PDB file of N, CA and C in Angstrom:
ATOM      1  N   MET A   1      54.039 -34.040 -33.897  1.00  0.00           N
ATOM      2  CA  MET A   1      53.242 -32.917 -33.497  1.00  0.00           C
ATOM      3  C   MET A   1      54.151 -31.670 -33.505  1.00  0.00           C
ATOM      4  N   SER A   2      53.683 -30.620 -34.111  1.00  0.00           N
ATOM      5  CA  SER A   2      54.479 -29.389 -34.156  1.00  0.00           C
ATOM      6  C   SER A   2      54.352 -28.589 -32.845  1.00  0.00           C
ATOM      7  N   ARG A   3      55.382 -27.837 -32.550  1.00  0.00           N
ATOM      8  CA  ARG A   3      55.345 -26.994 -31.365  1.00  0.00           C
ATOM      9  C   ARG A   3      54.363 -25.846 -31.525  1.00  0.00           C
ATOM     10  N   PRO A   4      53.520 -25.601 -30.519  1.00  0.00           N
ATOM     11  CA  PRO A   4      52.606 -24.471 -30.653  1.00  0.00           C
ATOM     12  C   PRO A   4      53.336 -23.143 -30.620  1.00  0.00           C
ATOM     13  N   HIS A   5      52.802 -22.189 -31.315  1.00  0.00           N
ATOM     14  CA  HIS A   5      53.342 -20.861 -31.312  1.00  0.00           C
ATOM     15  C   HIS A   5      53.034 -20.183 -29.980  1.00  0.00           C
ATOM     16  N   ARG A   6      54.003 -19.520 -29.387  1.00  0.00           N
ATOM     17  CA  ARG A   6      53.880 -18.929 -28.044  1.00  0.00           C
ATOM     18  C   ARG A   6      52.612 -18.069 -27.872  1.00  0.00           C
ATOM     19  N   PRO A   7      52.329 -17.106 -28.752  1.00  0.00           N
ATOM     20  CA  PRO A   7      51.124 -16.279 -28.527  1.00  0.00           C
ATOM     21  C   PRO A   7      49.839 -17.119 -28.588  1.00  0.00           C
ATOM     22  N   ARG A   8      49.804 -18.174 -29.385  1.00  0.00           N
ATOM     23  CA  ARG A   8      48.614 -18.991 -29.470  1.00  0.00           C
ATOM     24  C   ARG A   8      48.300 -19.644 -28.124  1.00  0.00           C
ATOM     25  N   VAL A   9      49.318 -20.149 -27.467  1.00  0.00           N
ATOM     26  CA  VAL A   9      49.151 -20.807 -26.174  1.00  0.00           C
ATOM     27  C   VAL A   9      48.681 -19.784 -25.142  1.00  0.00           C
ATOM     28  N   GLN A  10      49.353 -18.616 -25.095  1.00  0.00           N
ATOM     29  CA  GLN A  10      48.927 -17.588 -24.160  1.00  0.00           C
ATOM     30  C   GLN A  10      47.474 -17.199 -24.399  1.00  0.00           C
ATOM     31  N   PHE A  11      47.115 -16.979 -25.614  1.00  0.00           N
ATOM     32  CA  PHE A  11      45.777 -16.535 -25.984  1.00  0.00           C
ATOM     33  C   PHE A  11      44.750 -17.655 -25.607  1.00  0.00           C
ATOM     34  N   ALA A  12      45.069 -18.872 -25.932  1.00  0.00           N
ATOM     35  CA  ALA A  12      44.176 -19.997 -25.615  1.00  0.00           C
ATOM     36  C   ALA A  12      43.976 -20.147 -24.076  1.00  0.00           C
ATOM     37  N   VAL A  13      45.039 -20.027 -23.314  1.00  0.00           N
ATOM     38  CA  VAL A  13      44.934 -20.121 -21.853  1.00  0.00           C
ATOM     39  C   VAL A  13      44.119 -18.938 -21.308  1.00  0.00           C
ATOM     40  N   CYS A  14      44.369 -17.741 -21.779  1.00  0.00           N
ATOM     41  CA  CYS A  14      43.612 -16.581 -21.376  1.00  0.00           C
ATOM     42  C   CYS A  14      42.131 -16.728 -21.675  1.00  0.00           C
ATOM     43  N   LEU A  15      41.825 -17.204 -22.886  1.00  0.00           N
ATOM     44  CA  LEU A  15      40.417 -17.418 -23.244  1.00  0.00           C
ATOM     45  C   LEU A  15      39.731 -18.485 -22.343  1.00  0.00           C
ATOM     46  N   PHE A  16      40.433 -19.542 -22.082  1.00  0.00           N
ATOM     47  CA  PHE A  16      39.929 -20.579 -21.211  1.00  0.00           C
ATOM     48  C   PHE A  16      39.644 -20.037 -19.818  1.00  0.00           C
ATOM     49  N   LEU A  17      40.615 -19.292 -19.250  1.00  0.00           N
ATOM     50  CA  LEU A  17      40.453 -18.774 -17.918  1.00  0.00           C
ATOM     51  C   LEU A  17      39.403 -17.668 -17.832  1.00  0.00           C
ATOM     52  N   ALA A  18      39.226 -16.919 -18.927  1.00  0.00           N
ATOM     53  CA  ALA A  18      38.170 -15.895 -18.965  1.00  0.00           C
ATOM     54  C   ALA A  18      36.804 -16.546 -18.951  1.00  0.00           C
ATOM     55  N   ALA A  19      36.673 -17.682 -19.649  1.00  0.00           N
ATOM     56  CA  ALA A  19      35.415 -18.408 -19.672  1.00  0.00           C
ATOM     57  C   ALA A  19      35.185 -19.210 -18.399  1.00  0.00           C
ATOM     58  N   ASN A  20      36.263 -19.545 -17.708  1.00  0.00           N
ATOM     59  CA  ASN A  20      36.213 -20.363 -16.484  1.00  0.00           C
ATOM     60  C   ASN A  20      37.044 -19.741 -15.386  1.00  0.00           C
ATOM     61  N   PRO A  21      36.704 -18.548 -14.904  1.00  0.00           N
ATOM     62  CA  PRO A  21      37.599 -17.818 -14.005  1.00  0.00           C
ATOM     63  C   PRO A  21      37.804 -18.512 -12.621  1.00  0.00           C
ATOM     64  N   GLU A  22      36.945 -19.446 -12.277  1.00  0.00           N
ATOM     65  CA  GLU A  22      37.090 -20.145 -11.005  1.00  0.00           C
ATOM     66  C   GLU A  22      38.051 -21.338 -11.121  1.00  0.00           C
ATOM     67  N   GLU A  23      38.427 -21.679 -12.332  1.00  0.00           N
ATOM     68  CA  GLU A  23      39.265 -22.863 -12.575  1.00  0.00           C
ATOM     69  C   GLU A  23      40.762 -22.500 -12.472  1.00  0.00           C
ATOM     70  N   SER A  24      41.541 -23.513 -12.209  1.00  0.00           N
ATOM     71  CA  SER A  24      42.996 -23.420 -12.241  1.00  0.00           C
ATOM     72  C   SER A  24      43.492 -24.497 -13.151  1.00  0.00           C
ATOM     73  N   LEU A  25      44.641 -24.268 -13.766  1.00  0.00           N
ATOM     74  CA  LEU A  25      45.263 -25.240 -14.690  1.00  0.00           C
ATOM     75  C   LEU A  25      46.648 -25.577 -14.205  1.00  0.00           C
ATOM     76  N   TRP A  26      46.931 -26.858 -14.041  1.00  0.00           N
ATOM     77  CA  TRP A  26      48.254 -27.328 -13.784  1.00  0.00           C
ATOM     78  C   TRP A  26      49.055 -27.271 -15.094  1.00  0.00           C
ATOM     79  N   THR A  27      50.317 -27.295 -14.990  1.00  0.00           N
ATOM     80  CA  THR A  27      51.157 -27.315 -16.197  1.00  0.00           C
ATOM     81  C   THR A  27      50.735 -28.455 -17.117  1.00  0.00           C
ATOM     82  N   THR A  28      50.481 -29.630 -16.550  1.00  0.00           N
ATOM     83  CA  THR A  28      50.090 -30.807 -17.370  1.00  0.00           C
ATOM     84  C   THR A  28      48.730 -30.589 -18.018  1.00  0.00           C
ATOM     85  N   ASP A  29      47.827 -29.865 -17.377  1.00  0.00           N
ATOM     86  CA  ASP A  29      46.541 -29.531 -17.993  1.00  0.00           C
ATOM     87  C   ASP A  29      46.708 -28.685 -19.243  1.00  0.00           C
ATOM     88  N   ILE A  30      47.606 -27.695 -19.153  1.00  0.00           N
ATOM     89  CA  ILE A  30      47.847 -26.791 -20.269  1.00  0.00           C
ATOM     90  C   ILE A  30      48.434 -27.578 -21.453  1.00  0.00           C
ATOM     91  N   VAL A  31      49.353 -28.471 -21.167  1.00  0.00           N
ATOM     92  CA  VAL A  31      49.953 -29.274 -22.224  1.00  0.00           C
ATOM     93  C   VAL A  31      48.909 -30.196 -22.856  1.00  0.00           C
ATOM     94  N   ALA A  32      48.045 -30.794 -22.017  1.00  0.00           N
ATOM     95  CA  ALA A  32      46.984 -31.691 -22.555  1.00  0.00           C
ATOM     96  C   ALA A  32      45.975 -30.950 -23.403  1.00  0.00           C
ATOM     97  N   LYS A  33      45.599 -29.731 -22.954  1.00  0.00           N
ATOM     98  CA  LYS A  33      44.552 -28.990 -23.667  1.00  0.00           C
ATOM     99  C   LYS A  33      45.098 -28.229 -24.905  1.00  0.00           C
ATOM    100  N   PHE A  34      46.283 -27.685 -24.773  1.00  0.00           N
ATOM    101  CA  PHE A  34      46.774 -26.752 -25.815  1.00  0.00           C
ATOM    102  C   PHE A  34      48.098 -27.199 -26.474  1.00  0.00           C
ATOM    103  N   GLY A  35      48.647 -28.297 -26.042  1.00  0.00           N
ATOM    104  CA  GLY A  35      49.859 -28.820 -26.652  1.00  0.00           C
ATOM    105  C   GLY A  35      51.130 -28.192 -26.078  1.00  0.00           C
ATOM    106  N   GLY A  36      52.238 -28.672 -26.531  1.00  0.00           N
ATOM    107  CA  GLY A  36      53.492 -28.125 -26.122  1.00  0.00           C
ATOM    108  C   GLY A  36      54.277 -29.066 -25.182  1.00  0.00           C
ATOM    109  N   ASN A  37      55.303 -28.533 -24.632  1.00  0.00           N
ATOM    110  CA  ASN A  37      56.203 -29.281 -23.743  1.00  0.00           C
ATOM    111  C   ASN A  37      56.049 -28.715 -22.330  1.00  0.00           C
ATOM    112  N   PRO A  38      55.869 -29.551 -21.318  1.00  0.00           N
ATOM    113  CA  PRO A  38      55.708 -29.011 -19.965  1.00  0.00           C
ATOM    114  C   PRO A  38      56.860 -28.163 -19.481  1.00  0.00           C
ATOM    115  N   LYS A  39      58.039 -28.406 -20.004  1.00  0.00           N
ATOM    116  CA  LYS A  39      59.254 -27.611 -19.612  1.00  0.00           C
ATOM    117  C   LYS A  39      59.164 -26.175 -20.088  1.00  0.00           C
ATOM    118  N   HIS A  40      58.286 -25.904 -21.083  1.00  0.00           N
ATOM    119  CA  HIS A  40      58.245 -24.590 -21.715  1.00  0.00           C
ATOM    120  C   HIS A  40      56.987 -23.787 -21.415  1.00  0.00           C
ATOM    121  N   VAL A  41      56.075 -24.343 -20.611  1.00  0.00           N
ATOM    122  CA  VAL A  41      54.818 -23.673 -20.322  1.00  0.00           C
ATOM    123  C   VAL A  41      55.039 -22.342 -19.655  1.00  0.00           C
ATOM    124  N   GLY A  42      55.847 -22.258 -18.627  1.00  0.00           N
ATOM    125  CA  GLY A  42      56.128 -21.006 -17.938  1.00  0.00           C
ATOM    126  C   GLY A  42      56.668 -19.962 -18.847  1.00  0.00           C
ATOM    127  N   GLU A  43      57.574 -20.371 -19.727  1.00  0.00           N
ATOM    128  CA  GLU A  43      58.171 -19.426 -20.719  1.00  0.00           C
ATOM    129  C   GLU A  43      57.110 -18.941 -21.667  1.00  0.00           C
ATOM    130  N   ARG A  44      56.247 -19.822 -22.134  1.00  0.00           N
ATOM    131  CA  ARG A  44      55.208 -19.440 -23.109  1.00  0.00           C
ATOM    132  C   ARG A  44      54.183 -18.486 -22.528  1.00  0.00           C
ATOM    133  N   LEU A  45      53.967 -18.579 -21.198  1.00  0.00           N
ATOM    134  CA  LEU A  45      52.978 -17.730 -20.541  1.00  0.00           C
ATOM    135  C   LEU A  45      53.584 -16.508 -19.852  1.00  0.00           C
ATOM    136  N   ARG A  46      54.877 -16.340 -19.974  1.00  0.00           N
ATOM    137  CA  ARG A  46      55.585 -15.297 -19.236  1.00  0.00           C
ATOM    138  C   ARG A  46      54.981 -13.924 -19.446  1.00  0.00           C
ATOM    139  N   TYR A  47      54.715 -13.511 -20.641  1.00  0.00           N
ATOM    140  CA  TYR A  47      54.194 -12.161 -20.921  1.00  0.00           C
ATOM    141  C   TYR A  47      52.840 -11.954 -20.262  1.00  0.00           C
ATOM    142  N   ALA A  48      51.937 -12.945 -20.390  1.00  0.00           N
ATOM    143  CA  ALA A  48      50.592 -12.819 -19.778  1.00  0.00           C
ATOM    144  C   ALA A  48      50.690 -12.793 -18.281  1.00  0.00           C
ATOM    145  N   ILE A  49      51.627 -13.527 -17.712  1.00  0.00           N
ATOM    146  CA  ILE A  49      51.831 -13.502 -16.255  1.00  0.00           C
ATOM    147  C   ILE A  49      52.357 -12.130 -15.823  1.00  0.00           C
ATOM    148  N   LYS A  50      53.331 -11.617 -16.574  1.00  0.00           N
ATOM    149  CA  LYS A  50      53.918 -10.326 -16.236  1.00  0.00           C
ATOM    150  C   LYS A  50      52.871  -9.209 -16.323  1.00  0.00           C
ATOM    151  N   GLN A  51      51.946  -9.296 -17.279  1.00  0.00           N
ATOM    152  CA  GLN A  51      50.930  -8.272 -17.450  1.00  0.00           C
ATOM    153  C   GLN A  51      49.744  -8.442 -16.517  1.00  0.00           C
ATOM    154  N   GLY A  52      49.699  -9.554 -15.749  1.00  0.00           N
ATOM    155  CA  GLY A  52      48.642  -9.778 -14.790  1.00  0.00           C
ATOM    156  C   GLY A  52      47.401 -10.488 -15.302  1.00  0.00           C
ATOM    157  N   TYR A  53      47.495 -11.016 -16.508  1.00  0.00           N
ATOM    158  CA  TYR A  53      46.328 -11.762 -17.053  1.00  0.00           C
ATOM    159  C   TYR A  53      46.242 -13.168 -16.554  1.00  0.00           C
ATOM    160  N   ILE A  54      47.410 -13.749 -16.242  1.00  0.00           N
ATOM    161  CA  ILE A  54      47.460 -15.082 -15.700  1.00  0.00           C
ATOM    162  C   ILE A  54      48.257 -15.019 -14.404  1.00  0.00           C
ATOM    163  N   ALA A  55      47.747 -15.668 -13.371  1.00  0.00           N
ATOM    164  CA  ALA A  55      48.446 -15.741 -12.077  1.00  0.00           C
ATOM    165  C   ALA A  55      49.097 -17.120 -11.995  1.00  0.00           C
ATOM    166  N   LYS A  56      50.302 -17.139 -11.480  1.00  0.00           N
ATOM    167  CA  LYS A  56      51.063 -18.372 -11.351  1.00  0.00           C
ATOM    168  C   LYS A  56      51.398 -18.572  -9.893  1.00  0.00           C
ATOM    169  N   ARG A  57      51.167 -19.792  -9.405  1.00  0.00           N
ATOM    170  CA  ARG A  57      51.589 -20.130  -8.048  1.00  0.00           C
ATOM    171  C   ARG A  57      52.217 -21.512  -8.114  1.00  0.00           C
ATOM    172  N   GLN A  58      52.989 -21.820  -7.094  1.00  0.00           N
ATOM    173  CA  GLN A  58      53.684 -23.093  -7.068  1.00  0.00           C
ATOM    174  C   GLN A  58      53.071 -23.979  -5.980  1.00  0.00           C
ATOM    175  N   ASP A  59      52.845 -25.227  -6.320  1.00  0.00           N
ATOM    176  CA  ASP A  59      52.311 -26.199  -5.392  1.00  0.00           C
ATOM    177  C   ASP A  59      53.460 -26.679  -4.497  1.00  0.00           C
ATOM    178  N   ASP A  60      53.224 -26.704  -3.175  1.00  0.00           N
ATOM    179  CA  ASP A  60      54.262 -27.107  -2.228  1.00  0.00           C
ATOM    180  C   ASP A  60      54.648 -28.581  -2.342  1.00  0.00           C
ATOM    181  N   GLU A  61      53.727 -29.413  -2.823  1.00  0.00           N
ATOM    182  CA  GLU A  61      54.019 -30.840  -2.917  1.00  0.00           C
ATOM    183  C   GLU A  61      55.078 -31.116  -3.969  1.00  0.00           C
ATOM    184  N   GLY A  62      54.906 -30.528  -5.160  1.00  0.00           N
ATOM    185  CA  GLY A  62      55.842 -30.763  -6.234  1.00  0.00           C
ATOM    186  C   GLY A  62      55.719 -32.148  -6.850  1.00  0.00           C
ATOM    187  N   TYR A  63      55.995 -32.275  -8.116  1.00  0.00           N
ATOM    188  CA  TYR A  63      55.921 -33.601  -8.722  1.00  0.00           C
ATOM    189  C   TYR A  63      57.252 -34.159  -9.091  1.00  0.00           C
ATOM    190  N   LEU A  64      58.293 -33.355  -9.029  1.00  0.00           N
ATOM    191  CA  LEU A  64      59.664 -33.831  -9.211  1.00  0.00           C
ATOM    192  C   LEU A  64      60.490 -33.321  -8.030  1.00  0.00           C
ATOM    193  N   PRO A  65      61.403 -34.084  -7.550  1.00  0.00           N
ATOM    194  CA  PRO A  65      62.213 -33.619  -6.431  1.00  0.00           C
ATOM    195  C   PRO A  65      62.912 -32.297  -6.789  1.00  0.00           C
ATOM    196  N   GLY A  66      62.725 -31.290  -5.926  1.00  0.00           N
ATOM    197  CA  GLY A  66      63.355 -30.029  -6.136  1.00  0.00           C
ATOM    198  C   GLY A  66      62.730 -29.160  -7.161  1.00  0.00           C
ATOM    199  N   ARG A  67      61.652 -29.575  -7.779  1.00  0.00           N
ATOM    200  CA  ARG A  67      60.991 -28.767  -8.815  1.00  0.00           C
ATOM    201  C   ARG A  67      59.496 -28.730  -8.554  1.00  0.00           C
ATOM    202  N   PRO A  68      58.961 -27.616  -8.049  1.00  0.00           N
ATOM    203  CA  PRO A  68      57.551 -27.543  -7.715  1.00  0.00           C
ATOM    204  C   PRO A  68      56.705 -27.507  -8.972  1.00  0.00           C
ATOM    205  N   ARG A  69      55.495 -27.979  -8.807  1.00  0.00           N
ATOM    206  CA  ARG A  69      54.517 -27.956  -9.900  1.00  0.00           C
ATOM    207  C   ARG A  69      53.794 -26.626  -9.910  1.00  0.00           C
ATOM    208  N   CYS A  70      53.602 -26.027 -11.072  1.00  0.00           N
ATOM    209  CA  CYS A  70      52.967 -24.725 -11.175  1.00  0.00           C
ATOM    210  C   CYS A  70      51.494 -24.863 -11.494  1.00  0.00           C
ATOM    211  N   VAL A  71      50.718 -23.937 -10.903  1.00  0.00           N
ATOM    212  CA  VAL A  71      49.277 -23.851 -11.115  1.00  0.00           C
ATOM    213  C   VAL A  71      49.000 -22.458 -11.645  1.00  0.00           C
ATOM    214  N   TYR A  72      48.209 -22.387 -12.695  1.00  0.00           N
ATOM    215  CA  TYR A  72      47.890 -21.128 -13.358  1.00  0.00           C
ATOM    216  C   TYR A  72      46.387 -20.869 -13.223  1.00  0.00           C
ATOM    217  N   SER A  73      46.056 -19.578 -12.961  1.00  0.00           N
ATOM    218  CA  SER A  73      44.651 -19.215 -12.830  1.00  0.00           C
ATOM    219  C   SER A  73      44.482 -17.785 -13.424  1.00  0.00           C
ATOM    220  N   ALA A  74      43.249 -17.328 -13.435  1.00  0.00           N
ATOM    221  CA  ALA A  74      42.977 -15.980 -13.946  1.00  0.00           C
ATOM    222  C   ALA A  74      43.651 -14.951 -13.055  1.00  0.00           C
ATOM    223  N   GLY A  75      44.416 -14.073 -13.660  1.00  0.00           N
ATOM    224  CA  GLY A  75      45.111 -13.001 -12.909  1.00  0.00           C
ATOM    225  C   GLY A  75      44.172 -11.812 -12.706  1.00  0.00           C
ATOM    226  N   PRO A  76      44.621 -10.838 -11.942  1.00  0.00           N
ATOM    227  CA  PRO A  76      43.795  -9.663 -11.611  1.00  0.00           C
ATOM    228  C   PRO A  76      43.386  -8.848 -12.832  1.00  0.00           C
ATOM    229  N   GLU A  77      44.236  -8.700 -13.814  1.00  0.00           N
ATOM    230  CA  GLU A  77      43.868  -7.959 -15.024  1.00  0.00           C
ATOM    231  C   GLU A  77      42.820  -8.696 -15.835  1.00  0.00           C
ATOM    232  N   LEU A  78      42.903  -9.984 -15.951  1.00  0.00           N
ATOM    233  CA  LEU A  78      41.894 -10.746 -16.654  1.00  0.00           C
ATOM    234  C   LEU A  78      40.557 -10.689 -15.913  1.00  0.00           C
ATOM    235  N   LEU A  79      40.596 -10.816 -14.607  1.00  0.00           N
ATOM    236  CA  LEU A  79      39.358 -10.735 -13.823  1.00  0.00           C
ATOM    237  C   LEU A  79      38.735  -9.350 -13.949  1.00  0.00           C
ATOM    238  N   ARG A  80      39.547  -8.340 -13.977  1.00  0.00           N
ATOM    239  CA  ARG A  80      39.029  -6.980 -14.180  1.00  0.00           C
ATOM    240  C   ARG A  80      38.406  -6.825 -15.545  1.00  0.00           C
ATOM    241  N   ALA A  81      39.074  -7.368 -16.548  1.00  0.00           N
ATOM    242  CA  ALA A  81      38.568  -7.268 -17.926  1.00  0.00           C
ATOM    243  C   ALA A  81      37.222  -7.977 -18.121  1.00  0.00           C
ATOM    244  N   ILE A  82      36.986  -9.043 -17.359  1.00  0.00           N
ATOM    245  CA  ILE A  82      35.715  -9.759 -17.534  1.00  0.00           C
ATOM    246  C   ILE A  82      34.692  -9.353 -16.462  1.00  0.00           C
ATOM    247  N   GLY A  83      35.038  -8.309 -15.701  1.00  0.00           N
ATOM    248  CA  GLY A  83      34.093  -7.815 -14.713  1.00  0.00           C
ATOM    249  C   GLY A  83      33.968  -8.620 -13.424  1.00  0.00           C
ATOM    250  N   ARG A  84      34.977  -9.373 -13.096  1.00  0.00           N
ATOM    251  CA  ARG A  84      34.972 -10.236 -11.885  1.00  0.00           C
ATOM    252  C   ARG A  84      35.824  -9.705 -10.770  1.00  0.00           C
ATOM    253  N   ALA A  85      36.475  -8.517 -10.971  1.00  0.00           N
ATOM    254  CA  ALA A  85      37.389  -8.017  -9.953  1.00  0.00           C
ATOM    255  C   ALA A  85      36.678  -6.988  -9.067  1.00  0.00           C
TER     256      ALA A  85
END
């Protein structure tokens, strides 16, 4: 399986969250739906997070010792763009 191109993953996640603004995606959900490596999801979504299209939060439970699991949802700019803000 080839590595997905960074903008493709960002675009796909933004489209999914725009269509489903009440949903959140775990890192593993993004990998299952759009491909890639879980270690690189944050890096691939960095620009969309920085611009406010995707919101990132960390789960307190964590799935690996010392490494919290990230949850991604529609950010304020995406919600504004779809008329939900």
